[in-house]
Amino acid sequence: MSSDITVRFFSVLKERTGIGLYRLPVEGAKTVADVERLVVNTFPTIGPFASTWRCAVNQEYADSSAEVRPGDEVAL
């Protein structure tokens, strides 16, 4: 089991980051909101899109309060 969270970028987020997949160390990420904050801090060019993206945890739509665990996949 991975100790990271896998973040998948789609559409304009993938274009802006230049990658489709990012491994986020789980430290500091307990919820989707934490993942979003950490990802925007790492890739500031996607910040303007934060109010419009949808998130999924392990291929299920999730809101910002959804819990994340090591090995989870968060798609943006």
N, C-alpha and C. Protein backbone atom coordinates (compact mmCIF):
# COMPACT_ATOMS: atom_id res chain seq x y z
N MET A 1 0.84 -1.18 0.00
CA MET A 1 0.00 0.00 0.00
C MET A 1 0.88 1.25 0.00
N SER A 2 0.56 2.17 -0.86
CA SER A 2 1.35 3.39 -0.99
C SER A 2 1.12 4.31 0.20
N SER A 3 2.15 5.05 0.57
CA SER A 3 1.99 6.03 1.64
C SER A 3 1.69 7.41 1.06
N ASP A 4 1.51 7.47 -0.26
CA ASP A 4 1.18 8.72 -0.94
C ASP A 4 -0.27 8.69 -1.39
N ILE A 5 -0.76 9.84 -1.80
CA ILE A 5 -2.05 9.98 -2.45
C ILE A 5 -1.74 10.27 -3.91
N THR A 6 -2.39 9.56 -4.80
CA THR A 6 -2.22 9.80 -6.23
C THR A 6 -3.22 10.86 -6.65
N VAL A 7 -2.73 11.91 -7.28
CA VAL A 7 -3.60 12.97 -7.80
C VAL A 7 -3.55 12.88 -9.32
N ARG A 8 -4.73 12.78 -9.93
CA ARG A 8 -4.85 12.74 -11.39
C ARG A 8 -5.42 14.06 -11.87
N PHE A 9 -4.74 14.65 -12.85
CA PHE A 9 -5.20 15.89 -13.44
C PHE A 9 -5.83 15.62 -14.79
N PHE A 10 -6.92 16.29 -15.09
CA PHE A 10 -7.60 16.16 -16.37
C PHE A 10 -7.81 17.54 -16.97
N SER A 11 -8.03 17.55 -18.27
CA SER A 11 -8.41 18.75 -19.02
C SER A 11 -7.40 19.87 -18.83
N VAL A 12 -7.90 21.07 -18.54
CA VAL A 12 -7.04 22.25 -18.43
C VAL A 12 -6.03 22.11 -17.28
N LEU A 13 -6.38 21.36 -16.25
CA LEU A 13 -5.45 21.17 -15.14
C LEU A 13 -4.23 20.37 -15.61
N LYS A 14 -4.48 19.39 -16.45
CA LYS A 14 -3.37 18.61 -17.01
C LYS A 14 -2.52 19.50 -17.91
N GLU A 15 -3.16 20.34 -18.69
CA GLU A 15 -2.41 21.27 -19.55
C GLU A 15 -1.58 22.24 -18.72
N ARG A 16 -2.17 22.80 -17.68
CA ARG A 16 -1.47 23.79 -16.86
C ARG A 16 -0.32 23.22 -16.04
N THR A 17 -0.50 21.99 -15.53
CA THR A 17 0.56 21.38 -14.73
C THR A 17 1.61 20.71 -15.60
N GLY A 18 1.21 20.30 -16.81
CA GLY A 18 2.12 19.59 -17.68
C GLY A 18 2.26 18.12 -17.34
N ILE A 19 1.44 17.64 -16.42
CA ILE A 19 1.48 16.22 -16.02
C ILE A 19 0.05 15.72 -15.83
N GLY A 20 -0.11 14.43 -15.89
CA GLY A 20 -1.43 13.84 -15.66
C GLY A 20 -1.53 13.17 -14.30
N LEU A 21 -0.37 12.91 -13.70
CA LEU A 21 -0.33 12.16 -12.45
C LEU A 21 0.70 12.78 -11.52
N TYR A 22 0.32 12.92 -10.25
CA TYR A 22 1.21 13.50 -9.25
C TYR A 22 1.08 12.69 -7.97
N ARG A 23 2.19 12.36 -7.37
CA ARG A 23 2.18 11.64 -6.09
C ARG A 23 2.35 12.67 -4.98
N LEU A 24 1.34 12.76 -4.14
CA LEU A 24 1.33 13.74 -3.05
C LEU A 24 1.62 13.01 -1.75
N PRO A 25 2.69 13.39 -1.03
CA PRO A 25 2.93 12.78 0.27
C PRO A 25 1.71 12.99 1.18
N VAL A 26 1.33 11.96 1.87
CA VAL A 26 0.08 11.99 2.64
C VAL A 26 0.14 12.95 3.84
N GLU A 27 1.32 13.29 4.30
CA GLU A 27 1.43 14.19 5.45
C GLU A 27 0.70 15.49 5.18
N GLY A 28 -0.18 15.87 6.06
CA GLY A 28 -0.91 17.12 5.91
C GLY A 28 -2.16 17.01 5.08
N ALA A 29 -2.46 15.84 4.54
CA ALA A 29 -3.66 15.68 3.71
C ALA A 29 -4.60 14.68 4.37
N LYS A 30 -5.63 15.21 4.99
CA LYS A 30 -6.63 14.35 5.63
C LYS A 30 -7.97 14.39 4.91
N THR A 31 -8.18 15.48 4.14
CA THR A 31 -9.44 15.64 3.40
C THR A 31 -9.15 16.08 1.97
N VAL A 32 -10.18 16.03 1.14
CA VAL A 32 -10.04 16.52 -0.23
C VAL A 32 -9.61 17.98 -0.22
N ALA A 33 -10.15 18.79 0.68
CA ALA A 33 -9.77 20.20 0.77
C ALA A 33 -8.28 20.35 1.02
N ASP A 34 -7.72 19.49 1.86
CA ASP A 34 -6.27 19.53 2.12
C ASP A 34 -5.49 19.21 0.84
N VAL A 35 -5.95 18.20 0.12
CA VAL A 35 -5.29 17.83 -1.15
C VAL A 35 -5.35 19.00 -2.12
N GLU A 36 -6.52 19.61 -2.24
CA GLU A 36 -6.68 20.75 -3.15
C GLU A 36 -5.72 21.87 -2.78
N ARG A 37 -5.65 22.19 -1.51
CA ARG A 37 -4.76 23.27 -1.04
C ARG A 37 -3.30 22.95 -1.35
N LEU A 38 -2.88 21.74 -1.06
CA LEU A 38 -1.48 21.35 -1.29
C LEU A 38 -1.15 21.34 -2.78
N VAL A 39 -2.09 20.88 -3.59
CA VAL A 39 -1.86 20.84 -5.04
C VAL A 39 -1.77 22.25 -5.61
N VAL A 40 -2.64 23.15 -5.17
CA VAL A 40 -2.59 24.54 -5.65
C VAL A 40 -1.29 25.21 -5.19
N ASN A 41 -0.83 24.89 -3.99
CA ASN A 41 0.45 25.45 -3.53
C ASN A 41 1.60 24.96 -4.39
N THR A 42 1.52 23.71 -4.85
CA THR A 42 2.57 23.13 -5.68
C THR A 42 2.47 23.61 -7.13
N PHE A 43 1.24 23.76 -7.62
CA PHE A 43 0.99 24.17 -9.01
C PHE A 43 0.09 25.40 -9.02
N PRO A 44 0.63 26.57 -8.70
CA PRO A 44 -0.20 27.78 -8.59
C PRO A 44 -0.97 28.15 -9.85
N THR A 45 -0.53 27.69 -11.01
CA THR A 45 -1.24 28.05 -12.25
C THR A 45 -2.63 27.43 -12.33
N ILE A 46 -2.93 26.45 -11.49
CA ILE A 46 -4.27 25.86 -11.52
C ILE A 46 -5.21 26.50 -10.49
N GLY A 47 -4.68 27.35 -9.65
CA GLY A 47 -5.49 28.01 -8.62
C GLY A 47 -6.75 28.67 -9.13
N PRO A 48 -6.68 29.40 -10.26
CA PRO A 48 -7.88 30.07 -10.76
C PRO A 48 -9.02 29.11 -11.13
N PHE A 49 -8.72 27.83 -11.29
CA PHE A 49 -9.74 26.86 -11.69
C PHE A 49 -10.34 26.11 -10.49
N ALA A 50 -9.83 26.38 -9.31
CA ALA A 50 -10.25 25.62 -8.13
C ALA A 50 -11.75 25.71 -7.85
N SER A 51 -12.36 26.83 -8.16
CA SER A 51 -13.79 26.97 -7.87
C SER A 51 -14.67 26.22 -8.88
N THR A 52 -14.07 25.73 -9.96
CA THR A 52 -14.88 25.07 -10.99
C THR A 52 -14.63 23.58 -11.12
N TRP A 53 -13.55 23.05 -10.56
CA TRP A 53 -13.30 21.63 -10.77
C TRP A 53 -14.15 20.77 -9.86
N ARG A 54 -14.33 19.53 -10.29
CA ARG A 54 -15.01 18.50 -9.51
C ARG A 54 -13.94 17.52 -9.05
N CYS A 55 -14.16 16.94 -7.89
CA CYS A 55 -13.20 15.99 -7.34
C CYS A 55 -13.83 14.61 -7.21
N ALA A 56 -13.00 13.61 -7.35
CA ALA A 56 -13.42 12.24 -7.11
C ALA A 56 -12.33 11.57 -6.28
N VAL A 57 -12.76 10.75 -5.33
CA VAL A 57 -11.83 9.95 -4.54
C VAL A 57 -12.12 8.50 -4.89
N ASN A 58 -11.10 7.83 -5.40
CA ASN A 58 -11.24 6.43 -5.81
C ASN A 58 -12.43 6.24 -6.76
N GLN A 59 -12.53 7.15 -7.73
CA GLN A 59 -13.52 7.11 -8.81
C GLN A 59 -14.96 7.34 -8.35
N GLU A 60 -15.13 7.96 -7.17
CA GLU A 60 -16.46 8.35 -6.68
C GLU A 60 -16.43 9.84 -6.42
N TYR A 61 -17.39 10.58 -6.97
CA TYR A 61 -17.43 12.02 -6.71
C TYR A 61 -17.43 12.27 -5.21
N ALA A 62 -16.69 13.30 -4.81
CA ALA A 62 -16.55 13.61 -3.39
C ALA A 62 -16.53 15.11 -3.19
N ASP A 63 -17.02 15.56 -2.05
CA ASP A 63 -16.94 16.98 -1.74
C ASP A 63 -15.66 17.25 -0.96
N SER A 64 -15.42 18.51 -0.65
CA SER A 64 -14.14 18.91 -0.05
C SER A 64 -13.93 18.36 1.36
N SER A 65 -14.99 17.92 2.01
CA SER A 65 -14.83 17.39 3.37
C SER A 65 -14.56 15.88 3.39
N ALA A 66 -14.57 15.25 2.22
CA ALA A 66 -14.35 13.80 2.16
C ALA A 66 -12.95 13.45 2.65
N GLU A 67 -12.86 12.39 3.39
CA GLU A 67 -11.60 11.94 3.94
C GLU A 67 -10.74 11.25 2.87
N VAL A 68 -9.44 11.45 2.96
CA VAL A 68 -8.49 10.76 2.09
C VAL A 68 -7.50 9.99 2.95
N ARG A 69 -7.04 8.87 2.40
CA ARG A 69 -6.13 8.00 3.13
C ARG A 69 -4.94 7.64 2.23
N PRO A 70 -3.86 7.17 2.81
CA PRO A 70 -2.73 6.72 1.99
C PRO A 70 -3.21 5.69 0.97
N GLY A 71 -2.73 5.81 -0.25
CA GLY A 71 -3.10 4.91 -1.32
C GLY A 71 -4.31 5.34 -2.12
N ASP A 72 -5.06 6.35 -1.64
CA ASP A 72 -6.22 6.83 -2.38
C ASP A 72 -5.81 7.55 -3.64
N GLU A 73 -6.75 7.63 -4.57
CA GLU A 73 -6.58 8.41 -5.79
C GLU A 73 -7.59 9.56 -5.77
N VAL A 74 -7.10 10.77 -5.96
CA VAL A 74 -7.97 11.95 -6.04
C VAL A 74 -7.84 12.48 -7.46
N ALA A 75 -8.97 12.58 -8.14
CA ALA A 75 -8.98 13.09 -9.50
C ALA A 75 -9.56 14.49 -9.51
N LEU A 76 -8.91 15.38 -10.25
CA LEU A 76 -9.36 16.75 -10.38
C LEU A 76 -9.59 17.05 -11.86
